C-alpha atoms as a PDB file:
ATOM      1  CA  MET A   1     -30.391  -2.998   3.048  1.00  0.00           C
ATOM      2  CA  GLY A   2     -27.982  -3.016   0.170  1.00  0.00           C
ATOM      3  CA  ARG A   3     -26.882   0.301  -1.281  1.00  0.00           C
ATOM      4  CA  GLN A   4     -28.664  -0.166  -4.180  1.00  0.00           C
ATOM      5  CA  VAL A   5     -32.469   0.426  -2.173  1.00  0.00           C
ATOM      6  CA  ALA A   6     -31.114   2.713   0.094  1.00  0.00           C
ATOM      7  CA  LEU A   7     -29.629   5.138  -2.169  1.00  0.00           C
ATOM      8  CA  PRO A   8     -30.463   6.882  -5.423  1.00  0.00           C
ATOM      9  CA  PRO A   9     -28.181   5.465  -8.283  1.00  0.00           C
ATOM     10  CA  THR A  10     -26.445   9.303  -8.989  1.00  0.00           C
ATOM     11  CA  LEU A  11     -25.447   9.269  -5.807  1.00  0.00           C
ATOM     12  CA  ALA A  12     -21.497   8.086  -5.321  1.00  0.00           C
ATOM     13  CA  PRO A  13     -20.420   6.147  -2.094  1.00  0.00           C
ATOM     14  CA  ARG A  14     -18.104   8.337  -0.207  1.00  0.00           C
ATOM     15  CA  LEU A  15     -16.485   5.083   1.437  1.00  0.00           C
ATOM     16  CA  ILE A  16     -15.569   2.071  -0.590  1.00  0.00           C
ATOM     17  CA  SER A  17     -14.023  -1.667  -0.247  1.00  0.00           C
ATOM     18  CA  ARG A  18     -10.516  -2.347  -0.905  1.00  0.00           C
ATOM     19  CA  GLU A  19     -11.509  -3.528  -4.102  1.00  0.00           C
ATOM     20  CA  ALA A  20     -13.382  -0.681  -5.740  1.00  0.00           C
ATOM     21  CA  ALA A  21     -10.435   1.361  -4.101  1.00  0.00           C
ATOM     22  CA  ALA A  22      -8.096  -0.463  -6.656  1.00  0.00           C
ATOM     23  CA  ALA A  23     -10.736  -0.531  -9.516  1.00  0.00           C
ATOM     24  CA  TYR A  24     -10.975   3.107  -8.802  1.00  0.00           C
ATOM     25  CA  VAL A  25      -7.508   4.200  -9.447  1.00  0.00           C
ATOM     26  CA  CYS A  26      -7.200   1.483 -12.010  1.00  0.00           C
ATOM     27  CA  LEU A  27      -4.975  -0.962 -10.313  1.00  0.00           C
ATOM     28  CA  SER A  28      -4.926  -4.501  -9.393  1.00  0.00           C
ATOM     29  CA  PRO A  29      -5.944  -5.305  -5.902  1.00  0.00           C
ATOM     30  CA  ASN A  30      -2.225  -6.257  -5.522  1.00  0.00           C
ATOM     31  CA  LYS A  31      -0.411  -3.624  -6.755  1.00  0.00           C
ATOM     32  CA  PHE A  32      -3.275  -1.459  -4.869  1.00  0.00           C
ATOM     33  CA  ASP A  33      -1.794  -2.682  -1.621  1.00  0.00           C
ATOM     34  CA  GLU A  34       1.638  -1.970  -2.374  1.00  0.00           C
ATOM     35  CA  LEU A  35       0.796   1.765  -3.017  1.00  0.00           C
ATOM     36  CA  VAL A  36      -1.164   1.487   0.042  1.00  0.00           C
ATOM     37  CA  LYS A  37       2.045   0.577   1.973  1.00  0.00           C
ATOM     38  CA  ASP A  38       4.660   2.691   0.360  1.00  0.00           C
ATOM     39  CA  GLY A  39       2.142   5.464   0.820  1.00  0.00           C
ATOM     40  CA  ARG A  40       1.156   6.751  -2.376  1.00  0.00           C
ATOM     41  CA  MET A  41      -2.289   6.010  -1.754  1.00  0.00           C
ATOM     42  CA  PRO A  42      -4.230   6.841   1.331  1.00  0.00           C
ATOM     43  CA  ARG A  43      -4.331   4.294   4.212  1.00  0.00           C
ATOM     44  CA  PRO A  44      -7.967   2.408   5.103  1.00  0.00           C
ATOM     45  CA  ARG A  45     -10.396   3.889   7.509  1.00  0.00           C
ATOM     46  CA  ARG A  46     -11.930   1.657   9.750  1.00  0.00           C
ATOM     47  CA  ILE A  47     -15.379   0.722  10.431  1.00  0.00           C
ATOM     48  CA  ASP A  48     -15.115  -1.955  13.588  1.00  0.00           C
ATOM     49  CA  ALA A  49     -13.331  -5.031  11.733  1.00  0.00           C
ATOM     50  CA  ARG A  50     -14.151  -3.545   8.162  1.00  0.00           C
ATOM     51  CA  LYS A  51     -11.785  -1.528   6.027  1.00  0.00           C
ATOM     52  CA  VAL A  52     -13.086   0.993   3.540  1.00  0.00           C
ATOM     53  CA  TRP A  53     -11.146   4.125   1.554  1.00  0.00           C
ATOM     54  CA  CYS A  54     -12.554   7.258   1.479  1.00  0.00           C
ATOM     55  CA  VAL A  55     -13.146   8.197  -2.434  1.00  0.00           C
ATOM     56  CA  ARG A  56     -11.832  12.017  -1.922  1.00  0.00           C
ATOM     57  CA  GLU A  57      -8.520  10.491  -0.436  1.00  0.00           C
ATOM     58  CA  LEU A  58      -8.249   8.216  -3.608  1.00  0.00           C
ATOM     59  CA  ASP A  59      -8.917  11.134  -5.542  1.00  0.00           C
ATOM     60  CA  GLY A  60      -6.063  13.439  -3.711  1.00  0.00           C
ATOM     61  CA  ALA A  61      -3.342  10.455  -4.335  1.00  0.00           C
ATOM     62  CA  ALA A  62      -3.648   9.757  -7.473  1.00  0.00           C
ATOM     63  CA  ASP A  63      -3.745  13.912  -8.669  1.00  0.00           C
ATOM     64  CA  ASN A  64      -0.028  13.300  -6.392  1.00  0.00           C
ATOM     65  CA  LEU A  65       1.236  10.963  -8.757  1.00  0.00           C
ATOM     66  CA  PRO A  66       4.243  11.800 -10.526  1.00  0.00           C
ATOM     67  CA  ILE A  67       3.197  12.754 -14.491  1.00  0.00           C
ATOM     68  CA  ASP A  68       4.993  11.168 -17.298  1.00  0.00           C
ATOM     69  CA  GLY A  69       7.664  12.794 -18.730  1.00  0.00           C
ATOM     70  CA  ASP A  70       8.554  15.016 -15.384  1.00  0.00           C
ATOM     71  CA  ASP A  71      12.015  14.790 -14.086  1.00  0.00           C
ATOM     72  CA  ALA A  72      12.184  14.347 -10.503  1.00  0.00           C
ATOM     73  CA  THR A  73      15.712  15.638 -10.392  1.00  0.00           C
ATOM     74  CA  GLY A  74      14.143  18.829 -11.053  1.00  0.00           C
ATOM     75  CA  ASP A  75      16.346  19.115 -14.725  1.00  0.00           C
ATOM     76  CA  ASP A  76      14.825  22.725 -15.710  1.00  0.00           C
ATOM     77  CA  THR A  77      15.263  22.349 -19.801  1.00  0.00           C
ATOM     78  CA  TRP A  78      14.881  26.225 -20.222  1.00  0.00           C
ATOM     79  CA  GLY A  79      17.166  26.332 -17.422  1.00  0.00           C
ATOM     80  CA  ASP A  80      20.535  27.606 -19.535  1.00  0.00           C
ATOM     81  CA  ILE A  81      18.750  29.885 -21.560  1.00  0.00           C
ATOM     82  CA  ASP A  82      19.436  33.627 -20.768  1.00  0.00           C
ATOM     83  CA  ALA A  83      16.568  35.740 -21.220  1.00  0.00           C
ATOM     84  CA  ALA A  84      18.821  39.149 -19.846  1.00  0.00           C
END
């Protein structure tokens, strides 16, 4: 039975395929694979031989990606201002 018959259209799936997971986080499947390999995206779960991704885990991984303009070195632009 297909998803469209079994679930109401307003109910989002919890587990999705590789292609859908890549699209969900706005990446190509190959770039998504790269991020999975280096740990920036979650590894898949298994249902027998099938690999699926949890949407909640994808949300968390996306939330943890660096924000453009944030300096990873910890440079505090206002750190040299003496407030006292």
